[in-house]
């Protein structure tokens, strides 16, 4: 065993996990105020903005920022950042041209002319997501974990404060989206300063063509995964807006933000600990199935208690916390409890794919999840079913996916444990 092999540092994991938890919790805590300032239609427009920017933003750099942590020199890391930002500028400009020439067609497809102003904000949002991903990668490449964590918090606080101010000023549907843009703009500055990023000032002895060719596998194999992952999370809002109404998309977005919070905050923390401990077990030649089963048992217990209790109080809780106008969101949340409960269990354990370098499995899983999201919604609304019926079908489809995926992950853990044991036995002979 190589004692000099790199290990996952618990301190760094804790810093990033803490920053992520606070940045996720702050907007959630502000939601009861925001839902009394903005209407379901406003939240629907915001959901569409987030869906479009996140899906396009996920591939706005062609994933070249993912190669930055692998760069062996500072010079090459900054060169990759320059390439990624240049690509992001080009894609953002293309999105702007599409918005200018096809704005009417897009708003008609999305089901509301109120989205017109939001559509023109998408190109800027795409660029900010892309450059933030690049700067995050640079900061992590040079071990500036605290900078990334603090910036995540600054972004969340700035966004919420901006949304509150714009809401008080009665800006309307655009207020929530502009608030996020302002938060992202503010966050870019400390990230760029920490790594002294300056596109115009960077020079390299390696040609751009050589760098692009060296890391071409990232756009070849990661772009589809990025689209599938972002699409599986956000495409439902777009479809609900198109088939039902903008207000319905707003109700659904509040459901996903609220019900997904336990996975984002608690589940991610458990997943990080599982990843760290499982990695240590693999390095020491131990099986990780006992740890997998132990973590699974804890997640199942937490899910059963938390979501089981929520089933009886969600409708009244949504009305009380967010306002009577949002009572229907509580009804929709109750319908979707099974899928959120199963996702809470499965998502943290899916990190095992990274331990076994089985990224293709993650890609396939995201593609299947995207299909299991789109298919039931399209089927339900093409057959004139109600919003509740459509989400019931969606909940069943995604619940089955997460349950089957969990069983598959367990089987892969067993298989990989057995493979390592066999390999160790062969070496000892």
Protein backbone atom coordinates (compact mmCIF):
# COMPACT_ATOMS: atom_id res chain seq x y z
CA UNK A 1 0.00 0.00 0.00
CA UNK A 2 1.34 3.43 -0.98
CA UNK A 3 1.50 5.54 2.18
CA UNK A 4 1.96 8.68 0.09
CA UNK A 5 -1.30 8.21 -1.79
CA UNK A 6 -3.63 11.23 -1.64
CA UNK A 7 -6.43 10.99 0.88
CA UNK A 8 -9.69 12.83 1.29
CA UNK A 9 -9.17 15.36 4.08
CA UNK A 10 -11.97 15.50 6.60
CA UNK A 11 -11.30 19.16 7.34
CA UNK A 12 -11.78 20.14 3.70
CA UNK A 13 -14.94 18.07 3.43
CA UNK A 14 -16.25 19.72 6.58
CA UNK A 15 -15.52 23.22 5.30
CA UNK A 16 -17.29 22.63 1.97
CA UNK A 17 -20.19 20.73 3.53
CA UNK A 18 -20.69 23.46 6.13
CA UNK A 19 -20.68 26.21 3.53
CA UNK A 20 -23.10 24.26 1.35
CA UNK A 21 -25.44 23.57 4.27
CA UNK A 22 -25.64 27.23 5.29
CA UNK A 23 -26.05 28.42 1.70
CA UNK A 24 -28.91 25.93 1.18
CA UNK A 25 -30.57 26.63 4.52
CA UNK A 26 -30.64 30.43 4.25
CA UNK A 27 -32.96 30.68 1.20
CA UNK A 28 -35.21 28.03 2.76
CA UNK A 29 -35.49 30.01 5.99
CA UNK A 30 -36.37 33.12 3.99
CA UNK A 31 -39.07 31.32 1.99
CA UNK A 32 -41.96 32.12 4.40
CA UNK A 33 -41.27 35.83 3.82
CA UNK A 34 -40.71 35.51 0.06
CA UNK A 35 -43.94 33.54 -0.44
CA UNK A 36 -45.87 36.40 1.17
CA UNK A 37 -44.23 38.97 -1.12
CA UNK A 38 -44.23 37.03 -4.40
CA UNK A 39 -47.14 35.09 -5.93
CA UNK A 40 -47.14 31.47 -7.21
CA UNK A 41 -46.92 32.93 -10.74
CA UNK A 42 -43.77 34.85 -9.73
CA UNK A 43 -42.25 31.67 -8.34
CA UNK A 44 -43.26 29.89 -11.53
CA UNK A 45 -41.33 32.43 -13.62
CA UNK A 46 -38.38 32.02 -11.28
CA UNK A 47 -38.55 28.23 -11.64
CA UNK A 48 -38.43 28.56 -15.43
CA UNK A 49 -35.46 30.95 -15.20
CA UNK A 50 -33.59 28.54 -12.92
CA UNK A 51 -34.43 25.56 -15.13
CA UNK A 52 -33.16 27.21 -18.31
CA UNK A 53 -30.02 28.69 -16.77
CA UNK A 54 -29.03 25.57 -14.83
CA UNK A 55 -29.60 23.17 -17.75
CA UNK A 56 -27.74 25.35 -20.25
CA UNK A 57 -25.21 26.52 -17.65
CA UNK A 58 -24.29 22.93 -16.85
CA UNK A 59 -22.68 22.64 -20.29
CA UNK A 60 -21.82 26.29 -20.95
CA UNK A 61 -18.08 25.54 -20.55
CA UNK A 62 -18.26 22.16 -22.31
CA UNK A 63 -17.13 20.82 -18.91
CA UNK A 64 -13.51 21.91 -19.39
CA UNK A 65 -13.52 23.27 -15.84
CA UNK A 66 -13.65 19.66 -14.63
CA UNK A 67 -10.10 19.22 -15.95
CA UNK A 68 -8.69 22.08 -13.85
CA UNK A 69 -8.07 19.98 -10.70
CA UNK A 70 -6.09 17.52 -12.88
CA UNK A 71 -3.75 20.16 -14.34
CA UNK A 72 -0.18 19.51 -13.20
CA UNK A 73 0.86 23.17 -13.27
CA UNK A 74 -0.61 26.55 -12.33
CA UNK A 75 -0.02 27.71 -15.89
CA UNK A 76 -2.06 24.88 -17.38
CA UNK A 77 -4.84 25.29 -14.81
CA UNK A 78 -5.27 28.95 -15.72
CA UNK A 79 -5.09 28.08 -19.40
CA UNK A 80 -7.96 25.64 -18.98
CA UNK A 81 -9.90 28.33 -17.10
CA UNK A 82 -9.36 30.76 -20.00
CA UNK A 83 -10.61 28.19 -22.49
CA UNK A 84 -13.67 27.36 -20.37
CA UNK A 85 -14.61 31.03 -19.89
CA UNK A 86 -14.13 31.76 -23.61
CA UNK A 87 -16.46 28.90 -24.50
CA UNK A 88 -18.94 30.15 -21.90
CA UNK A 89 -18.91 33.63 -23.45
CA UNK A 90 -19.61 32.18 -26.89
CA UNK A 91 -22.47 29.97 -25.68
CA UNK A 92 -23.98 32.81 -23.64
CA UNK A 93 -23.87 35.06 -26.73
CA UNK A 94 -25.62 32.34 -28.73
CA UNK A 95 -28.31 32.05 -26.04
CA UNK A 96 -28.78 35.84 -26.21
CA UNK A 97 -29.30 35.71 -29.98
CA UNK A 98 -31.85 32.92 -29.55
CA UNK A 99 -33.66 35.00 -26.92
CA UNK A 100 -33.75 38.04 -29.20
CA UNK A 101 -35.02 36.26 -32.31
CA UNK A 102 -37.23 33.57 -30.76
CA UNK A 103 -38.53 35.16 -27.55
CA UNK A 104 -42.16 35.02 -28.71
CA UNK A 105 -41.95 31.38 -29.71
CA UNK A 106 -40.24 30.41 -26.46
CA UNK A 107 -42.75 32.16 -24.21
CA UNK A 108 -45.62 30.57 -26.16
CA UNK A 109 -44.08 27.12 -25.70
CA UNK A 110 -43.59 27.76 -21.99
CA UNK A 111 -47.21 28.82 -21.61
CA UNK A 112 -46.99 32.45 -20.48
CA UNK A 113 -46.11 35.82 -22.00
CA UNK A 114 -45.06 36.93 -18.49
CA UNK A 115 -41.82 35.05 -19.09
CA UNK A 116 -40.67 37.54 -21.73
CA UNK A 117 -38.44 39.57 -19.40
CA UNK A 118 -37.09 36.43 -17.72
CA UNK A 119 -36.01 34.99 -21.09
CA UNK A 120 -33.69 37.96 -21.69
CA UNK A 121 -32.07 37.40 -18.30
CA UNK A 122 -31.14 33.78 -19.11
CA UNK A 123 -27.95 34.54 -21.14
CA UNK A 124 -26.44 36.47 -18.22
CA UNK A 125 -27.48 33.73 -15.81
CA UNK A 126 -25.84 31.09 -18.01
CA UNK A 127 -22.59 33.05 -18.15
CA UNK A 128 -22.53 33.54 -14.37
CA UNK A 129 -23.08 29.82 -13.73
CA UNK A 130 -20.29 28.94 -16.16
CA UNK A 131 -17.71 31.38 -14.79
CA UNK A 132 -18.62 30.46 -11.20
CA UNK A 133 -18.01 26.77 -11.98
CA UNK A 134 -14.62 27.69 -13.47
CA UNK A 135 -13.59 29.86 -10.52
CA UNK A 136 -14.76 27.24 -8.02
CA UNK A 137 -12.61 24.64 -9.79
CA UNK A 138 -9.58 26.96 -9.71
CA UNK A 139 -10.03 27.70 -6.02
CA UNK A 140 -10.35 23.99 -5.18
CA UNK A 141 -7.33 23.24 -7.39
CA UNK A 142 -5.22 25.54 -5.19
CA UNK A 143 -6.81 24.37 -1.91
CA UNK A 144 -8.82 27.54 -1.23
CA UNK A 145 -11.66 25.54 0.32
CA UNK A 146 -12.58 28.24 2.82
CA UNK A 147 -12.94 30.80 0.01
CA UNK A 148 -15.41 28.55 -1.84
CA UNK A 149 -17.40 27.87 1.34
CA UNK A 150 -17.57 31.54 2.35
CA UNK A 151 -18.50 32.58 -1.17
CA UNK A 152 -21.37 30.08 -1.24
CA UNK A 153 -22.74 31.72 1.89
CA UNK A 154 -22.20 35.26 0.53
CA UNK A 155 -24.01 34.28 -2.68
CA UNK A 156 -27.00 32.88 -0.79
CA UNK A 157 -27.31 35.85 1.57
CA UNK A 158 -26.87 38.41 -1.22
CA UNK A 159 -29.47 36.68 -3.39
CA UNK A 160 -32.08 36.51 -0.65
CA UNK A 161 -31.53 40.11 0.50
CA UNK A 162 -31.80 41.30 -3.11
CA UNK A 163 -35.01 39.31 -3.60
CA UNK A 164 -36.53 40.76 -0.44
CA UNK A 165 -35.67 44.33 -1.46
CA UNK A 166 -36.98 43.82 -5.00
CA UNK A 167 -40.11 42.18 -3.61
CA UNK A 168 -40.82 45.16 -1.36
CA UNK A 169 -40.34 47.39 -4.40
CA UNK A 170 -43.04 45.34 -6.22
CA UNK A 171 -40.79 44.35 -9.10
CA UNK A 172 -42.88 41.22 -9.65
CA UNK A 173 -41.90 38.05 -11.50
CA UNK A 174 -38.48 39.41 -12.43
CA UNK A 175 -37.52 40.14 -8.82
CA UNK A 176 -36.65 36.59 -7.76
CA UNK A 177 -34.50 36.00 -10.85
CA UNK A 178 -32.71 39.35 -10.66
CA UNK A 179 -31.96 38.66 -6.99
CA UNK A 180 -30.13 35.45 -7.91
CA UNK A 181 -28.21 37.26 -10.68
CA UNK A 182 -27.06 39.94 -8.24
CA UNK A 183 -26.00 37.30 -5.73
CA UNK A 184 -23.96 35.48 -8.37
CA UNK A 185 -22.33 38.72 -9.54
CA UNK A 186 -21.26 39.56 -6.01
CA UNK A 187 -19.86 36.05 -5.49
CA UNK A 188 -17.69 36.11 -8.63
CA UNK A 189 -15.43 38.87 -7.28
CA UNK A 190 -13.88 37.09 -4.23
CA UNK A 191 -13.52 33.85 -6.20
CA UNK A 192 -11.58 35.64 -8.97
CA UNK A 193 -9.44 37.63 -6.51
CA UNK A 194 -8.43 34.55 -4.53
CA UNK A 195 -6.82 32.87 -7.55
CA UNK A 196 -5.81 36.15 -9.24
CA UNK A 197 -7.77 35.19 -12.34
CA UNK A 198 -7.36 37.55 -15.29
CA UNK A 199 -8.09 36.25 -18.77
CA UNK A 200 -6.22 39.04 -20.55
CA UNK A 201 -3.18 38.70 -18.32
CA UNK A 202 -2.68 34.95 -18.67
CA UNK A 203 0.06 33.66 -20.96
CA UNK A 204 1.15 30.09 -21.58
CA UNK A 205 3.87 28.24 -23.43
CA UNK A 206 1.29 25.60 -24.35
CA UNK A 207 -1.03 26.35 -27.24
CA UNK A 208 -4.80 26.52 -26.81
CA UNK A 209 -5.20 23.83 -29.46
CA UNK A 210 -2.96 21.43 -27.52
CA UNK A 211 -4.85 22.01 -24.26
CA UNK A 212 -8.23 21.47 -25.93
CA UNK A 213 -6.99 18.27 -27.54
CA UNK A 214 -5.40 16.96 -24.33
CA UNK A 215 -8.64 17.29 -22.33
CA UNK A 216 -11.14 16.63 -25.12
CA UNK A 217 -12.62 13.67 -23.21
CA UNK A 218 -14.41 16.06 -20.85
CA UNK A 219 -16.70 17.58 -23.51
CA UNK A 220 -16.98 14.20 -25.24
CA UNK A 221 -18.14 12.25 -22.22
CA UNK A 222 -19.35 14.75 -19.60
CA UNK A 223 -21.62 17.13 -21.51
CA UNK A 224 -24.42 14.59 -21.86
CA UNK A 225 -24.14 13.76 -18.18
CA UNK A 226 -24.37 17.43 -17.23
CA UNK A 227 -27.51 17.94 -19.31
CA UNK A 228 -29.11 14.74 -17.99
CA UNK A 229 -28.36 15.63 -14.37
CA UNK A 230 -29.63 19.22 -14.60
CA UNK A 231 -32.58 18.20 -16.75
CA UNK A 232 -33.74 15.49 -14.35
CA UNK A 233 -33.93 18.13 -11.60
CA UNK A 234 -35.45 21.08 -13.45
CA UNK A 235 -37.30 19.86 -16.55
CA UNK A 236 -40.50 19.09 -14.61
CA UNK A 237 -41.05 22.80 -13.87
CA UNK A 238 -40.80 23.64 -17.58
CA UNK A 239 -43.24 20.89 -18.54
CA UNK A 240 -45.75 21.84 -15.83
CA UNK A 241 -45.65 25.48 -16.96
CA UNK A 242 -46.19 24.45 -20.59
CA UNK A 243 -49.00 21.96 -19.93
CA UNK A 244 -50.78 23.46 -16.91
CA UNK A 245 -49.88 27.00 -15.83
CA UNK A 246 -47.10 29.22 -14.56
CA UNK A 247 -48.70 29.26 -11.10
CA UNK A 248 -48.65 25.45 -11.00
CA UNK A 249 -44.95 25.51 -11.84
CA UNK A 250 -44.48 27.92 -8.94
CA UNK A 251 -46.30 25.59 -6.54
CA UNK A 252 -44.22 22.65 -7.74
CA UNK A 253 -40.97 24.60 -7.35
CA UNK A 254 -41.77 25.36 -3.70
CA UNK A 255 -42.52 21.69 -3.12
CA UNK A 256 -39.19 20.56 -4.57
CA UNK A 257 -37.19 23.22 -2.72
CA UNK A 258 -38.82 22.44 0.62
CA UNK A 259 -39.05 18.67 0.38
CA UNK A 260 -35.59 18.37 -1.16
CA UNK A 261 -33.95 20.33 1.67
CA UNK A 262 -33.38 17.30 3.93
CA UNK A 263 -31.46 15.58 1.12
CA UNK A 264 -29.42 18.67 0.29
CA UNK A 265 -28.49 19.47 3.89
CA UNK A 266 -28.69 16.30 6.01
CA UNK A 267 -28.30 13.74 3.23
CA UNK A 268 -25.28 15.47 1.70
CA UNK A 269 -23.56 15.63 5.09
CA UNK A 270 -24.14 11.91 5.66
CA UNK A 271 -22.99 11.21 2.11
CA UNK A 272 -19.74 13.12 2.62
CA UNK A 273 -18.97 11.16 5.79
CA UNK A 274 -19.84 7.89 4.04
CA UNK A 275 -17.59 8.79 1.10
CA UNK A 276 -14.68 9.65 3.37
CA UNK A 277 -14.97 6.52 5.53
CA UNK A 278 -15.58 4.22 2.55
CA UNK A 279 -12.52 5.64 0.81
CA UNK A 280 -10.41 4.92 3.88
CA UNK A 281 -11.76 1.36 4.01
CA UNK A 282 -10.88 0.73 0.37
CA UNK A 283 -7.35 2.06 0.86
CA UNK A 284 -6.85 -0.28 3.82
CA UNK A 285 -8.17 -3.25 1.86
CA UNK A 286 -11.42 -3.63 3.84
CA UNK A 287 -14.89 -4.35 2.48
CA UNK A 288 -17.26 -1.39 2.42
CA UNK A 289 -20.55 -3.34 2.38
CA UNK A 290 -20.87 -3.26 6.21
CA UNK A 291 -20.47 0.54 6.13
CA UNK A 292 -22.95 0.76 3.21
CA UNK A 293 -25.54 -1.29 5.11
CA UNK A 294 -25.00 0.66 8.33
CA UNK A 295 -25.41 3.99 6.52
CA UNK A 296 -28.45 2.66 4.66
CA UNK A 297 -30.11 1.63 7.94
CA UNK A 298 -29.57 5.08 9.45
CA UNK A 299 -30.91 6.81 6.35
CA UNK A 300 -33.98 4.57 6.25
CA UNK A 301 -34.72 5.28 9.91
CA UNK A 302 -34.35 9.05 9.49
CA UNK A 303 -36.45 9.00 6.31
CA UNK A 304 -39.22 6.92 7.85
CA UNK A 305 -39.49 9.13 10.93
CA UNK A 306 -39.15 12.50 9.17
CA UNK A 307 -41.25 11.91 6.08
CA UNK A 308 -43.70 9.65 7.93
CA UNK A 309 -44.51 12.47 10.34
CA UNK A 310 -44.64 14.99 7.50
CA UNK A 311 -47.40 13.01 5.76
CA UNK A 312 -49.91 14.00 8.44
CA UNK A 313 -49.07 17.71 8.69
CA UNK A 314 -47.78 18.91 5.32
CA UNK A 315 -50.92 20.54 3.94
CA UNK A 316 -51.62 22.59 7.08
CA UNK A 317 -47.91 23.26 7.57
CA UNK A 318 -47.50 24.75 4.09
CA UNK A 319 -50.54 26.98 4.62
CA UNK A 320 -49.26 28.13 8.02
CA UNK A 321 -45.59 28.64 7.08
CA UNK A 322 -45.92 30.00 3.55
CA UNK A 323 -49.42 31.47 3.58
CA UNK A 324 -52.90 30.18 2.76
CA UNK A 325 -52.27 30.84 -0.95
CA UNK A 326 -49.78 27.96 -0.86
CA UNK A 327 -52.03 25.29 0.71
CA UNK A 328 -52.25 23.43 -2.60
CA UNK A 329 -48.43 23.13 -2.55
CA UNK A 330 -48.84 21.19 0.72
CA UNK A 331 -51.27 18.83 -1.00
CA UNK A 332 -48.80 18.29 -3.86
CA UNK A 333 -45.97 17.74 -1.36
CA UNK A 334 -48.01 15.04 0.41
CA UNK A 335 -48.53 13.27 -2.92
CA UNK A 336 -44.78 13.28 -3.58
CA UNK A 337 -43.59 12.19 -0.12
CA UNK A 338 -42.63 8.64 -1.28
CA UNK A 339 -40.16 9.87 -3.91
CA UNK A 340 -38.52 12.45 -1.63
CA UNK A 341 -38.25 9.84 1.14
CA UNK A 342 -36.57 7.35 -1.21
CA UNK A 343 -34.29 10.00 -2.73
CA UNK A 344 -33.14 10.98 0.77
CA UNK A 345 -31.95 7.39 1.23
CA UNK A 346 -30.47 6.78 -2.22
CA UNK A 347 -28.71 10.05 -3.10
CA UNK A 348 -26.01 9.95 -0.37
CA UNK A 349 -25.19 6.31 -1.11
CA UNK A 350 -24.83 7.00 -4.84
CA UNK A 351 -21.47 8.60 -4.01
CA UNK A 352 -20.12 5.05 -4.04
CA UNK A 353 -19.88 5.36 -7.85
CA UNK A 354 -17.07 7.87 -7.43
CA UNK A 355 -15.16 5.54 -5.13
CA UNK A 356 -15.20 2.81 -7.76
CA UNK A 357 -14.58 5.23 -10.64
CA UNK A 358 -17.87 4.13 -12.19
CA UNK A 359 -18.90 7.50 -13.60
CA UNK A 360 -20.59 5.84 -16.59
CA UNK A 361 -23.09 4.32 -14.16
CA UNK A 362 -23.88 7.78 -12.84
CA UNK A 363 -24.42 9.02 -16.40
CA UNK A 364 -26.76 6.14 -17.22
CA UNK A 365 -28.66 6.68 -13.96
CA UNK A 366 -29.18 10.37 -14.75
CA UNK A 367 -30.44 9.54 -18.24
CA UNK A 368 -32.91 7.00 -16.86
CA UNK A 369 -34.03 9.49 -14.18
CA UNK A 370 -34.59 12.12 -16.87
CA UNK A 371 -36.77 9.69 -18.82
CA UNK A 372 -38.65 8.68 -15.67
CA UNK A 373 -39.34 12.39 -15.05
CA UNK A 374 -40.40 13.46 -18.53
CA UNK A 375 -42.45 10.39 -19.51
CA UNK A 376 -45.08 10.40 -16.72
CA UNK A 377 -45.64 14.15 -16.93
CA UNK A 378 -46.09 14.14 -20.71
CA UNK A 379 -48.32 11.06 -20.54
CA UNK A 380 -50.50 12.51 -17.77
CA UNK A 381 -51.06 15.92 -19.31
CA UNK A 382 -51.41 14.68 -22.87
CA UNK A 383 -54.27 12.57 -21.50
CA UNK A 384 -55.90 15.57 -19.76
CA UNK A 385 -55.17 14.45 -16.22
CA UNK A 386 -55.13 16.94 -13.35
CA UNK A 387 -51.98 18.36 -11.77
CA UNK A 388 -52.45 16.09 -8.76
CA UNK A 389 -52.83 13.02 -10.97
CA UNK A 390 -49.78 13.98 -13.00
CA UNK A 391 -47.61 14.39 -9.90
CA UNK A 392 -48.91 11.11 -8.47
CA UNK A 393 -47.71 9.36 -11.62
CA UNK A 394 -44.40 11.26 -11.46
CA UNK A 395 -43.94 10.29 -7.81
CA UNK A 396 -44.54 6.61 -8.58
CA UNK A 397 -42.16 6.65 -11.55
CA UNK A 398 -39.29 8.31 -9.65
CA UNK A 399 -39.88 6.19 -6.53
CA UNK A 400 -39.42 3.03 -8.62
CA UNK A 401 -36.26 4.48 -10.16
CA UNK A 402 -34.64 5.35 -6.81
CA UNK A 403 -35.63 2.00 -5.27
CA UNK A 404 -34.18 -0.01 -8.17
CA UNK A 405 -31.07 2.22 -8.25
CA UNK A 406 -30.51 1.63 -4.52
CA UNK A 407 -30.65 -2.14 -5.01
CA UNK A 408 -28.25 -1.82 -7.94
CA UNK A 409 -25.78 0.25 -5.88
CA UNK A 410 -25.83 -2.38 -3.15
CA UNK A 411 -25.15 -5.12 -5.68
CA UNK A 412 -22.21 -3.13 -7.13
CA UNK A 413 -20.74 -2.68 -3.64
CA UNK A 414 -20.87 -6.44 -3.13
CA UNK A 415 -19.35 -7.09 -6.56
CA UNK A 416 -16.50 -4.62 -6.06
CA UNK A 417 -15.79 -5.91 -2.56
CA UNK A 418 -15.53 -9.44 -3.95
CA UNK A 419 -13.32 -8.28 -6.83
CA UNK A 420 -10.89 -6.54 -4.45
CA UNK A 421 -10.77 -9.61 -2.21
CA UNK A 422 -10.03 -11.86 -5.19
CA UNK A 423 -7.34 -9.48 -6.42
CA UNK A 424 -5.72 -9.38 -2.98
CA UNK A 425 -5.78 -13.19 -2.76
CA UNK A 426 -4.10 -13.53 -6.16
CA UNK A 427 -1.34 -11.13 -5.14
CA UNK A 428 -0.68 -13.02 -1.92
CA UNK A 429 -0.18 -16.33 -3.74
